[in-house]
């Protein structure tokens, strides 16, 4: 019984440390939508901030290639492609596929 009590005490100690660390991290990082009096970031600064926090990355070579192909399309071709994509009916819906993959 003593080992169980010791394990519970160790878990409580770890939980207290984790809560303190979360509190420190939450207070150290500016939150999106916060009410700070800072000037708004321009796109370059915002992208740098997002990258620093692991929320964005540079595009891969493949992504750059596909983007260049898209940009090279005429406006009519872009509109036709978007119209086609909006008419697609996925069976099963994408949301169900994602849920199934999680299990």
PDB file of N, CA and C in Angstrom:
ATOM      1  N   UNK A   1       0.818  -1.198   0.000  1.00  0.00           N
ATOM      2  CA  UNK A   1       0.000   0.000   0.000  1.00  0.00           C
ATOM      3  C   UNK A   1       0.858   1.257   0.000  1.00  0.00           C
ATOM      4  N   UNK A   2       2.031   1.156   0.608  1.00  0.00           N
ATOM      5  CA  UNK A   2       2.916   2.317   0.692  1.00  0.00           C
ATOM      6  C   UNK A   2       3.401   2.727  -0.694  1.00  0.00           C
ATOM      7  N   UNK A   3       3.630   1.759  -1.561  1.00  0.00           N
ATOM      8  CA  UNK A   3       4.099   2.113  -2.906  1.00  0.00           C
ATOM      9  C   UNK A   3       3.009   2.828  -3.680  1.00  0.00           C
ATOM     10  N   UNK A   4       1.764   2.435  -3.515  1.00  0.00           N
ATOM     11  CA  UNK A   4       0.658   3.104  -4.193  1.00  0.00           C
ATOM     12  C   UNK A   4       0.539   4.543  -3.706  1.00  0.00           C
ATOM     13  N   UNK A   5       0.653   4.737  -2.396  1.00  0.00           N
ATOM     14  CA  UNK A   5       0.594   6.083  -1.848  1.00  0.00           C
ATOM     15  C   UNK A   5       1.763   6.928  -2.362  1.00  0.00           C
ATOM     16  N   UNK A   6       2.935   6.327  -2.471  1.00  0.00           N
ATOM     17  CA  UNK A   6       4.112   7.044  -2.979  1.00  0.00           C
ATOM     18  C   UNK A   6       3.910   7.411  -4.446  1.00  0.00           C
ATOM     19  N   UNK A   7       3.350   6.499  -5.248  1.00  0.00           N
ATOM     20  CA  UNK A   7       3.088   6.782  -6.652  1.00  0.00           C
ATOM     21  C   UNK A   7       2.091   7.932  -6.800  1.00  0.00           C
ATOM     22  N   UNK A   8       1.056   7.943  -5.978  1.00  0.00           N
ATOM     23  CA  UNK A   8       0.076   9.026  -6.026  1.00  0.00           C
ATOM     24  C   UNK A   8       0.742  10.343  -5.661  1.00  0.00           C
ATOM     25  N   UNK A   9       1.585  10.332  -4.655  1.00  0.00           N
ATOM     26  CA  UNK A   9       2.285  11.555  -4.251  1.00  0.00           C
ATOM     27  C   UNK A   9       3.214  12.028  -5.361  1.00  0.00           C
ATOM     28  N   UNK A  10       3.920  11.100  -6.021  1.00  0.00           N
ATOM     29  CA  UNK A  10       4.806  11.458  -7.130  1.00  0.00           C
ATOM     30  C   UNK A  10       4.001  12.064  -8.279  1.00  0.00           C
ATOM     31  N   UNK A  11       2.853  11.498  -8.569  1.00  0.00           N
ATOM     32  CA  UNK A  11       2.005  12.034  -9.637  1.00  0.00           C
ATOM     33  C   UNK A  11       1.503  13.431  -9.289  1.00  0.00           C
ATOM     34  N   UNK A  12       1.139  13.650  -8.038  1.00  0.00           N
ATOM     35  CA  UNK A  12       0.698  14.978  -7.614  1.00  0.00           C
ATOM     36  C   UNK A  12       1.832  15.991  -7.777  1.00  0.00           C
ATOM     37  N   UNK A  13       3.037  15.587  -7.427  1.00  0.00           N
ATOM     38  CA  UNK A  13       4.195  16.478  -7.561  1.00  0.00           C
ATOM     39  C   UNK A  13       4.438  16.804  -9.029  1.00  0.00           C
ATOM     40  N   UNK A  14       4.404  15.793  -9.875  1.00  0.00           N
ATOM     41  CA  UNK A  14       4.603  16.014 -11.310  1.00  0.00           C
ATOM     42  C   UNK A  14       3.516  16.922 -11.881  1.00  0.00           C
ATOM     43  N   UNK A  15       2.276  16.710 -11.454  1.00  0.00           N
ATOM     44  CA  UNK A  15       1.171  17.529 -11.929  1.00  0.00           C
ATOM     45  C   UNK A  15       1.372  18.986 -11.529  1.00  0.00           C
ATOM     46  N   UNK A  16       1.790  19.213 -10.307  1.00  0.00           N
ATOM     47  CA  UNK A  16       2.032  20.575  -9.838  1.00  0.00           C
ATOM     48  C   UNK A  16       3.128  21.245 -10.669  1.00  0.00           C
ATOM     49  N   UNK A  17       4.199  20.506 -10.966  1.00  0.00           N
ATOM     50  CA  UNK A  17       5.278  21.059 -11.793  1.00  0.00           C
ATOM     51  C   UNK A  17       4.786  21.364 -13.202  1.00  0.00           C
ATOM     52  N   UNK A  18       4.022  20.451 -13.781  1.00  0.00           N
ATOM     53  CA  UNK A  18       3.503  20.668 -15.131  1.00  0.00           C
ATOM     54  C   UNK A  18       2.566  21.872 -15.187  1.00  0.00           C
ATOM     55  N   UNK A  19       1.702  21.999 -14.183  1.00  0.00           N
ATOM     56  CA  UNK A  19       0.797  23.143 -14.150  1.00  0.00           C
ATOM     57  C   UNK A  19       1.588  24.450 -14.054  1.00  0.00           C
ATOM     58  N   UNK A  20       2.642  24.454 -13.250  1.00  0.00           N
ATOM     59  CA  UNK A  20       3.470  25.658 -13.115  1.00  0.00           C
ATOM     60  C   UNK A  20       4.165  25.980 -14.437  1.00  0.00           C
ATOM     61  N   UNK A  21       4.649  24.949 -15.128  1.00  0.00           N
ATOM     62  CA  UNK A  21       5.309  25.176 -16.412  1.00  0.00           C
ATOM     63  C   UNK A  21       4.327  25.705 -17.446  1.00  0.00           C
ATOM     64  N   UNK A  22       3.143  25.152 -17.486  1.00  0.00           N
ATOM     65  CA  UNK A  22       2.117  25.625 -18.413  1.00  0.00           C
ATOM     66  C   UNK A  22       1.780  27.080 -18.119  1.00  0.00           C
ATOM     67  N   UNK A  23       1.653  27.409 -16.861  1.00  0.00           N
ATOM     68  CA  UNK A  23       1.346  28.785 -16.472  1.00  0.00           C
ATOM     69  C   UNK A  23       2.455  29.732 -16.924  1.00  0.00           C
ATOM     70  N   UNK A  24       3.731  29.321 -16.722  1.00  0.00           N
ATOM     71  CA  UNK A  24       4.859  30.166 -17.152  1.00  0.00           C
ATOM     72  C   UNK A  24       4.858  30.338 -18.665  1.00  0.00           C
ATOM     73  N   UNK A  25       4.643  29.243 -19.399  1.00  0.00           N
ATOM     74  CA  UNK A  25       4.645  29.319 -20.862  1.00  0.00           C
ATOM     75  C   UNK A  25       3.489  30.165 -21.378  1.00  0.00           C
ATOM     76  N   UNK A  26       2.334  30.008 -20.784  1.00  0.00           N
ATOM     77  CA  UNK A  26       1.167  30.769 -21.224  1.00  0.00           C
ATOM     78  C   UNK A  26       1.363  32.259 -20.994  1.00  0.00           C
ATOM     79  N   UNK A  27       2.020  32.620 -19.918  1.00  0.00           N
ATOM     80  CA  UNK A  27       2.240  34.036 -19.626  1.00  0.00           C
ATOM     81  C   UNK A  27       3.414  34.608 -20.403  1.00  0.00           C
ATOM     82  N   UNK A  28       4.336  33.765 -20.860  1.00  0.00           N
ATOM     83  CA  UNK A  28       5.513  34.243 -21.581  1.00  0.00           C
ATOM     84  C   UNK A  28       5.227  34.462 -23.059  1.00  0.00           C
ATOM     85  N   UNK A  29       4.225  33.780 -23.608  1.00  0.00           N
ATOM     86  CA  UNK A  29       3.935  33.863 -25.036  1.00  0.00           C
ATOM     87  C   UNK A  29       2.739  34.762 -25.269  1.00  0.00           C
ATOM     88  N   UNK A  30       2.889  35.810 -26.092  1.00  0.00           N
ATOM     89  CA  UNK A  30       1.736  36.651 -26.409  1.00  0.00           C
ATOM     90  C   UNK A  30       0.652  35.818 -27.084  1.00  0.00           C
ATOM     91  N   UNK A  31      -0.556  35.996 -26.649  1.00  0.00           N
ATOM     92  CA  UNK A  31      -1.674  35.227 -27.181  1.00  0.00           C
ATOM     93  C   UNK A  31      -2.295  35.949 -28.366  1.00  0.00           C
ATOM     94  N   UNK A  32      -2.710  35.185 -29.369  1.00  0.00           N
ATOM     95  CA  UNK A  32      -3.416  35.761 -30.514  1.00  0.00           C
ATOM     96  C   UNK A  32      -4.712  36.380 -30.018  1.00  0.00           C
ATOM     97  N   UNK A  33      -5.013  37.542 -30.508  1.00  0.00           N
ATOM     98  CA  UNK A  33      -6.247  38.199 -30.110  1.00  0.00           C
ATOM     99  C   UNK A  33      -6.166  38.841 -28.740  1.00  0.00           C
ATOM    100  N   UNK A  34      -4.956  38.910 -28.186  1.00  0.00           N
ATOM    101  CA  UNK A  34      -4.800  39.520 -26.870  1.00  0.00           C
ATOM    102  C   UNK A  34      -5.091  41.011 -26.925  1.00  0.00           C
ATOM    103  N   UNK A  35      -5.192  41.597 -25.766  1.00  0.00           N
ATOM    104  CA  UNK A  35      -5.536  43.021 -25.701  1.00  0.00           C
ATOM    105  C   UNK A  35      -4.311  43.871 -25.449  1.00  0.00           C
ATOM    106  N   UNK A  36      -3.142  43.419 -25.894  1.00  0.00           N
ATOM    107  CA  UNK A  36      -1.921  44.190 -25.697  1.00  0.00           C
ATOM    108  C   UNK A  36      -1.968  45.479 -26.493  1.00  0.00           C
ATOM    109  N   UNK A  37      -1.159  46.443 -26.083  1.00  0.00           N
ATOM    110  CA  UNK A  37      -1.129  47.737 -26.746  1.00  0.00           C
ATOM    111  C   UNK A  37      -0.062  47.775 -27.828  1.00  0.00           C
ATOM    112  N   UNK A  38       0.323  46.608 -28.334  1.00  0.00           N
ATOM    113  CA  UNK A  38       1.352  46.547 -29.354  1.00  0.00           C
ATOM    114  C   UNK A  38       0.789  46.952 -30.707  1.00  0.00           C
ATOM    115  N   UNK A  39       1.691  47.439 -31.557  1.00  0.00           N
ATOM    116  CA  UNK A  39       1.294  47.752 -32.931  1.00  0.00           C
ATOM    117  C   UNK A  39       1.058  46.442 -33.675  1.00  0.00           C
ATOM    118  N   UNK A  40       0.116  46.433 -34.601  1.00  0.00           N
ATOM    119  CA  UNK A  40      -0.127  45.196 -35.343  1.00  0.00           C
ATOM    120  C   UNK A  40       1.106  44.819 -36.164  1.00  0.00           C
ATOM    121  N   UNK A  41       1.325  43.519 -36.317  1.00  0.00           N
ATOM    122  CA  UNK A  41       2.457  43.037 -37.081  1.00  0.00           C
ATOM    123  C   UNK A  41       2.166  43.128 -38.569  1.00  0.00           C
ATOM    124  N   UNK A  42       3.197  43.443 -39.352  1.00  0.00           N
ATOM    125  CA  UNK A  42       3.005  43.365 -40.794  1.00  0.00           C
ATOM    126  C   UNK A  42       3.119  41.894 -41.196  1.00  0.00           C
ATOM    127  N   UNK A  43       2.880  41.578 -42.464  1.00  0.00           N
ATOM    128  CA  UNK A  43       2.859  40.176 -42.885  1.00  0.00           C
ATOM    129  C   UNK A  43       4.186  39.476 -42.653  1.00  0.00           C
ATOM    130  N   UNK A  44       5.286  40.159 -42.892  1.00  0.00           N
ATOM    131  CA  UNK A  44       6.607  39.551 -42.710  1.00  0.00           C
ATOM    132  C   UNK A  44       6.833  39.212 -41.250  1.00  0.00           C
ATOM    133  N   UNK A  45       6.501  40.137 -40.345  1.00  0.00           N
ATOM    134  CA  UNK A  45       6.682  39.899 -38.909  1.00  0.00           C
ATOM    135  C   UNK A  45       5.750  38.785 -38.424  1.00  0.00           C
ATOM    136  N   UNK A  46       4.515  38.803 -38.915  1.00  0.00           N
ATOM    137  CA  UNK A  46       3.560  37.778 -38.507  1.00  0.00           C
ATOM    138  C   UNK A  46       4.022  36.402 -38.957  1.00  0.00           C
ATOM    139  N   UNK A  47       4.479  36.288 -40.201  1.00  0.00           N
ATOM    140  CA  UNK A  47       4.957  35.006 -40.697  1.00  0.00           C
ATOM    141  C   UNK A  47       6.164  34.536 -39.897  1.00  0.00           C
ATOM    142  N   UNK A  48       7.071  35.429 -39.576  1.00  0.00           N
ATOM    143  CA  UNK A  48       8.240  35.074 -38.762  1.00  0.00           C
ATOM    144  C   UNK A  48       7.796  34.582 -37.386  1.00  0.00           C
ATOM    145  N   UNK A  49       6.811  35.248 -36.780  1.00  0.00           N
ATOM    146  CA  UNK A  49       6.305  34.837 -35.462  1.00  0.00           C
ATOM    147  C   UNK A  49       5.676  33.457 -35.550  1.00  0.00           C
ATOM    148  N   UNK A  50       4.866  33.225 -36.592  1.00  0.00           N
ATOM    149  CA  UNK A  50       4.229  31.924 -36.758  1.00  0.00           C
ATOM    150  C   UNK A  50       5.266  30.817 -36.948  1.00  0.00           C
ATOM    151  N   UNK A  51       6.297  31.076 -37.723  1.00  0.00           N
ATOM    152  CA  UNK A  51       7.359  30.085 -37.936  1.00  0.00           C
ATOM    153  C   UNK A  51       8.100  29.799 -36.640  1.00  0.00           C
ATOM    154  N   UNK A  52       8.390  30.854 -35.885  1.00  0.00           N
ATOM    155  CA  UNK A  52       9.104  30.695 -34.618  1.00  0.00           C
ATOM    156  C   UNK A  52       8.337  29.796 -33.664  1.00  0.00           C
ATOM    157  N   UNK A  53       7.024  29.885 -33.693  1.00  0.00           N
ATOM    158  CA  UNK A  53       6.192  29.101 -32.780  1.00  0.00           C
ATOM    159  C   UNK A  53       5.704  27.793 -33.400  1.00  0.00           C
ATOM    160  N   UNK A  54       6.273  27.430 -34.542  1.00  0.00           N
ATOM    161  CA  UNK A  54       5.937  26.146 -35.156  1.00  0.00           C
ATOM    162  C   UNK A  54       4.564  26.090 -35.785  1.00  0.00           C
ATOM    163  N   UNK A  55       3.975  27.249 -36.092  1.00  0.00           N
ATOM    164  CA  UNK A  55       2.628  27.288 -36.646  1.00  0.00           C
ATOM    165  C   UNK A  55       2.624  27.472 -38.161  1.00  0.00           C
ATOM    166  N   UNK A  56       3.776  27.732 -38.732  1.00  0.00           N
ATOM    167  CA  UNK A  56       3.896  27.888 -40.183  1.00  0.00           C
ATOM    168  C   UNK A  56       5.294  27.437 -40.580  1.00  0.00           C
ATOM    169  N   UNK A  57       5.467  27.149 -41.866  1.00  0.00           N
ATOM    170  CA  UNK A  57       6.768  26.738 -42.367  1.00  0.00           C
ATOM    171  C   UNK A  57       6.911  27.246 -43.789  1.00  0.00           C
ATOM    172  N   UNK A  58       8.129  27.181 -44.320  1.00  0.00           N
ATOM    173  CA  UNK A  58       8.347  27.532 -45.715  1.00  0.00           C
ATOM    174  C   UNK A  58       7.752  26.434 -46.592  1.00  0.00           C
ATOM    175  N   UNK A  59       7.250  26.787 -47.762  1.00  0.00           N
ATOM    176  CA  UNK A  59       6.696  25.758 -48.647  1.00  0.00           C
ATOM    177  C   UNK A  59       7.789  24.837 -49.173  1.00  0.00           C
ATOM    178  N   UNK A  60       7.411  23.593 -49.435  1.00  0.00           N
ATOM    179  CA  UNK A  60       8.352  22.641 -50.017  1.00  0.00           C
ATOM    180  C   UNK A  60       8.531  22.958 -51.493  1.00  0.00           C
ATOM    181  N   UNK A  61       9.518  22.339 -52.116  1.00  0.00           N
ATOM    182  CA  UNK A  61       9.744  22.535 -53.550  1.00  0.00           C
ATOM    183  C   UNK A  61       8.521  22.082 -54.342  1.00  0.00           C
ATOM    184  N   UNK A  62       7.918  20.992 -53.939  1.00  0.00           N
ATOM    185  CA  UNK A  62       6.720  20.489 -54.623  1.00  0.00           C
ATOM    186  C   UNK A  62       5.560  21.479 -54.500  1.00  0.00           C
ATOM    187  N   UNK A  63       5.377  22.048 -53.304  1.00  0.00           N
ATOM    188  CA  UNK A  63       4.314  23.036 -53.115  1.00  0.00           C
ATOM    189  C   UNK A  63       4.557  24.277 -53.972  1.00  0.00           C
ATOM    190  N   UNK A  64       5.808  24.696 -54.081  1.00  0.00           N
ATOM    191  CA  UNK A  64       6.141  25.855 -54.929  1.00  0.00           C
ATOM    192  C   UNK A  64       5.853  25.545 -56.396  1.00  0.00           C
ATOM    193  N   UNK A  65       6.167  24.327 -56.821  1.00  0.00           N
ATOM    194  CA  UNK A  65       5.919  23.937 -58.210  1.00  0.00           C
ATOM    195  C   UNK A  65       4.430  23.948 -58.516  1.00  0.00           C
ATOM    196  N   UNK A  66       3.615  23.366 -57.635  1.00  0.00           N
ATOM    197  CA  UNK A  66       2.169  23.322 -57.848  1.00  0.00           C
ATOM    198  C   UNK A  66       1.581  24.729 -57.828  1.00  0.00           C
ATOM    199  N   UNK A  67       2.058  25.573 -56.920  1.00  0.00           N
ATOM    200  CA  UNK A  67       1.578  26.957 -56.856  1.00  0.00           C
ATOM    201  C   UNK A  67       1.904  27.701 -58.147  1.00  0.00           C
ATOM    202  N   UNK A  68       3.095  27.469 -58.695  1.00  0.00           N
ATOM    203  CA  UNK A  68       3.475  28.125 -59.949  1.00  0.00           C
ATOM    204  C   UNK A  68       2.587  27.653 -61.094  1.00  0.00           C
ATOM    205  N   UNK A  69       2.244  26.358 -61.091  1.00  0.00           N
ATOM    206  CA  UNK A  69       1.330  25.837 -62.121  1.00  0.00           C
ATOM    207  C   UNK A  69      -0.031  26.524 -62.012  1.00  0.00           C
ATOM    208  N   UNK A  70      -0.516  26.679 -60.793  1.00  0.00           N
ATOM    209  CA  UNK A  70      -1.812  27.330 -60.580  1.00  0.00           C
ATOM    210  C   UNK A  70      -1.765  28.779 -61.056  1.00  0.00           C
ATOM    211  N   UNK A  71      -0.719  29.484 -60.671  1.00  0.00           N
ATOM    212  CA  UNK A  71      -0.584  30.894 -61.054  1.00  0.00           C
ATOM    213  C   UNK A  71      -0.500  31.061 -62.568  1.00  0.00           C
ATOM    214  N   UNK A  72       0.026  30.040 -63.258  1.00  0.00           N
ATOM    215  CA  UNK A  72       0.174  30.123 -64.713  1.00  0.00           C
ATOM    216  C   UNK A  72      -1.152  29.907 -65.443  1.00  0.00           C
ATOM    217  N   UNK A  73      -2.167  29.370 -64.755  1.00  0.00           N
ATOM    218  CA  UNK A  73      -3.465  29.136 -65.394  1.00  0.00           C
ATOM    219  C   UNK A  73      -4.162  30.461 -65.687  1.00  0.00           C
ATOM    220  N   UNK A  74      -4.991  30.453 -66.702  1.00  0.00           N
ATOM    221  CA  UNK A  74      -5.806  31.637 -67.001  1.00  0.00           C
ATOM    222  C   UNK A  74      -6.910  31.740 -65.944  1.00  0.00           C
ATOM    223  N   UNK A  75      -7.482  32.922 -65.823  1.00  0.00           N
ATOM    224  CA  UNK A  75      -8.577  33.111 -64.856  1.00  0.00           C
ATOM    225  C   UNK A  75      -9.751  32.193 -65.186  1.00  0.00           C
ATOM    226  N   UNK A  76     -10.031  31.991 -66.464  1.00  0.00           N
ATOM    227  CA  UNK A  76     -11.136  31.113 -66.869  1.00  0.00           C
ATOM    228  C   UNK A  76     -10.862  29.675 -66.432  1.00  0.00           C
ATOM    229  N   UNK A  77      -9.617  29.207 -66.603  1.00  0.00           N
ATOM    230  CA  UNK A  77      -9.265  27.845 -66.181  1.00  0.00           C
ATOM    231  C   UNK A  77      -9.357  27.699 -64.662  1.00  0.00           C
ATOM    232  N   UNK A  78      -8.921  28.737 -63.932  1.00  0.00           N
ATOM    233  CA  UNK A  78      -9.015  28.698 -62.469  1.00  0.00           C
ATOM    234  C   UNK A  78     -10.478  28.612 -62.029  1.00  0.00           C
ATOM    235  N   UNK A  79     -11.330  29.438 -62.637  1.00  0.00           N
ATOM    236  CA  UNK A  79     -12.758  29.429 -62.279  1.00  0.00           C
ATOM    237  C   UNK A  79     -13.393  28.090 -62.606  1.00  0.00           C
ATOM    238  N   UNK A  80     -13.049  27.515 -63.764  1.00  0.00           N
ATOM    239  CA  UNK A  80     -13.600  26.217 -64.155  1.00  0.00           C
ATOM    240  C   UNK A  80     -13.169  25.130 -63.171  1.00  0.00           C
ATOM    241  N   UNK A  81     -11.905  25.175 -62.756  1.00  0.00           N
ATOM    242  CA  UNK A  81     -11.410  24.179 -61.801  1.00  0.00           C
ATOM    243  C   UNK A  81     -12.124  24.322 -60.450  1.00  0.00           C
ATOM    244  N   UNK A  82     -12.251  25.557 -59.971  1.00  0.00           N
ATOM    245  CA  UNK A  82     -12.943  25.776 -58.691  1.00  0.00           C
ATOM    246  C   UNK A  82     -14.392  25.336 -58.763  1.00  0.00           C
ATOM    247  N   UNK A  83     -15.065  25.619 -59.872  1.00  0.00           N
ATOM    248  CA  UNK A  83     -16.454  25.185 -60.029  1.00  0.00           C
ATOM    249  C   UNK A  83     -16.541  23.664 -59.990  1.00  0.00           C
ATOM    250  N   UNK A  84     -15.617  22.988 -60.660  1.00  0.00           N
ATOM    251  CA  UNK A  84     -15.588  21.527 -60.640  1.00  0.00           C
ATOM    252  C   UNK A  84     -15.399  21.011 -59.217  1.00  0.00           C
ATOM    253  N   UNK A  85     -14.467  21.587 -58.473  1.00  0.00           N
ATOM    254  CA  UNK A  85     -14.192  21.144 -57.105  1.00  0.00           C
ATOM    255  C   UNK A  85     -15.400  21.371 -56.190  1.00  0.00           C
ATOM    256  N   UNK A  86     -16.140  22.457 -56.410  1.00  0.00           N
ATOM    257  CA  UNK A  86     -17.319  22.735 -55.582  1.00  0.00           C
ATOM    258  C   UNK A  86     -18.453  21.752 -55.868  1.00  0.00           C
ATOM    259  N   UNK A  87     -18.460  21.171 -57.052  1.00  0.00           N
ATOM    260  CA  UNK A  87     -19.517  20.207 -57.401  1.00  0.00           C
ATOM    261  C   UNK A  87     -19.199  18.786 -56.937  1.00  0.00           C
ATOM    262  N   UNK A  88     -17.987  18.544 -56.492  1.00  0.00           N
ATOM    263  CA  UNK A  88     -17.608  17.196 -56.068  1.00  0.00           C
ATOM    264  C   UNK A  88     -18.443  16.749 -54.875  1.00  0.00           C
ATOM    265  N   UNK A  89     -18.822  15.499 -54.897  1.00  0.00           N
ATOM    266  CA  UNK A  89     -19.521  14.894 -53.765  1.00  0.00           C
ATOM    267  C   UNK A  89     -18.675  13.722 -53.296  1.00  0.00           C
ATOM    268  N   UNK A  90     -18.152  13.838 -52.099  1.00  0.00           N
ATOM    269  CA  UNK A  90     -17.316  12.781 -51.549  1.00  0.00           C
ATOM    270  C   UNK A  90     -18.178  11.793 -50.787  1.00  0.00           C
ATOM    271  N   UNK A  91     -17.975  10.517 -51.072  1.00  0.00           N
ATOM    272  CA  UNK A  91     -18.728   9.481 -50.376  1.00  0.00           C
ATOM    273  C   UNK A  91     -17.768   8.391 -49.943  1.00  0.00           C
ATOM    274  N   UNK A  92     -17.446   8.270 -48.698  1.00  0.00           N
ATOM    275  CA  UNK A  92     -17.968   9.000 -47.548  1.00  0.00           C
ATOM    276  C   UNK A  92     -17.357  10.401 -47.473  1.00  0.00           C
ATOM    277  N   UNK A  93     -17.995  11.275 -46.697  1.00  0.00           N
ATOM    278  CA  UNK A  93     -17.471  12.640 -46.549  1.00  0.00           C
ATOM    279  C   UNK A  93     -16.058  12.620 -45.958  1.00  0.00           C
ATOM    280  N   UNK A  94     -15.294  13.630 -46.284  1.00  0.00           N
ATOM    281  CA  UNK A  94     -13.923  13.737 -45.808  1.00  0.00           C
ATOM    282  C   UNK A  94     -13.852  13.679 -44.281  1.00  0.00           C
ATOM    283  N   UNK A  95     -14.810  14.283 -43.613  1.00  0.00           N
ATOM    284  CA  UNK A  95     -14.799  14.276 -42.140  1.00  0.00           C
ATOM    285  C   UNK A  95     -14.865  12.850 -41.604  1.00  0.00           C
ATOM    286  N   UNK A  96     -15.637  11.985 -42.249  1.00  0.00           N
ATOM    287  CA  UNK A  96     -15.729  10.593 -41.803  1.00  0.00           C
ATOM    288  C   UNK A  96     -14.431   9.857 -42.062  1.00  0.00           C
ATOM    289  N   UNK A  97     -13.782  10.145 -43.170  1.00  0.00           N
ATOM    290  CA  UNK A  97     -12.497   9.509 -43.465  1.00  0.00           C
ATOM    291  C   UNK A  97     -11.459   9.888 -42.417  1.00  0.00           C
ATOM    292  N   UNK A  98     -11.437  11.174 -42.042  1.00  0.00           N
ATOM    293  CA  UNK A  98     -10.475  11.623 -41.027  1.00  0.00           C
ATOM    294  C   UNK A  98     -10.739  10.961 -39.682  1.00  0.00           C
ATOM    295  N   UNK A  99     -12.000  10.865 -39.320  1.00  0.00           N
ATOM    296  CA  UNK A  99     -12.346  10.232 -38.039  1.00  0.00           C
ATOM    297  C   UNK A  99     -11.944   8.760 -38.056  1.00  0.00           C
ATOM    298  N   UNK A 100     -12.186   8.085 -39.171  1.00  0.00           N
ATOM    299  CA  UNK A 100     -11.841   6.671 -39.291  1.00  0.00           C
ATOM    300  C   UNK A 100     -10.328   6.461 -39.194  1.00  0.00           C
ATOM    301  N   UNK A 101      -9.536   7.372 -39.735  1.00  0.00           N
ATOM    302  CA  UNK A 101      -8.085   7.235 -39.698  1.00  0.00           C
ATOM    303  C   UNK A 101      -7.518   7.457 -38.302  1.00  0.00           C
ATOM    304  N   UNK A 102      -8.232   8.177 -37.482  1.00  0.00           N
ATOM    305  CA  UNK A 102      -7.754   8.442 -36.115  1.00  0.00           C
ATOM    306  C   UNK A 102      -7.867   7.199 -35.243  1.00  0.00           C
ATOM    307  N   UNK A 103      -8.721   6.278 -35.610  1.00  0.00           N
ATOM    308  CA  UNK A 103      -8.940   5.082 -34.765  1.00  0.00           C
ATOM    309  C   UNK A 103      -8.141   3.924 -35.237  1.00  0.00           C
TER     310      UNK A 103
END
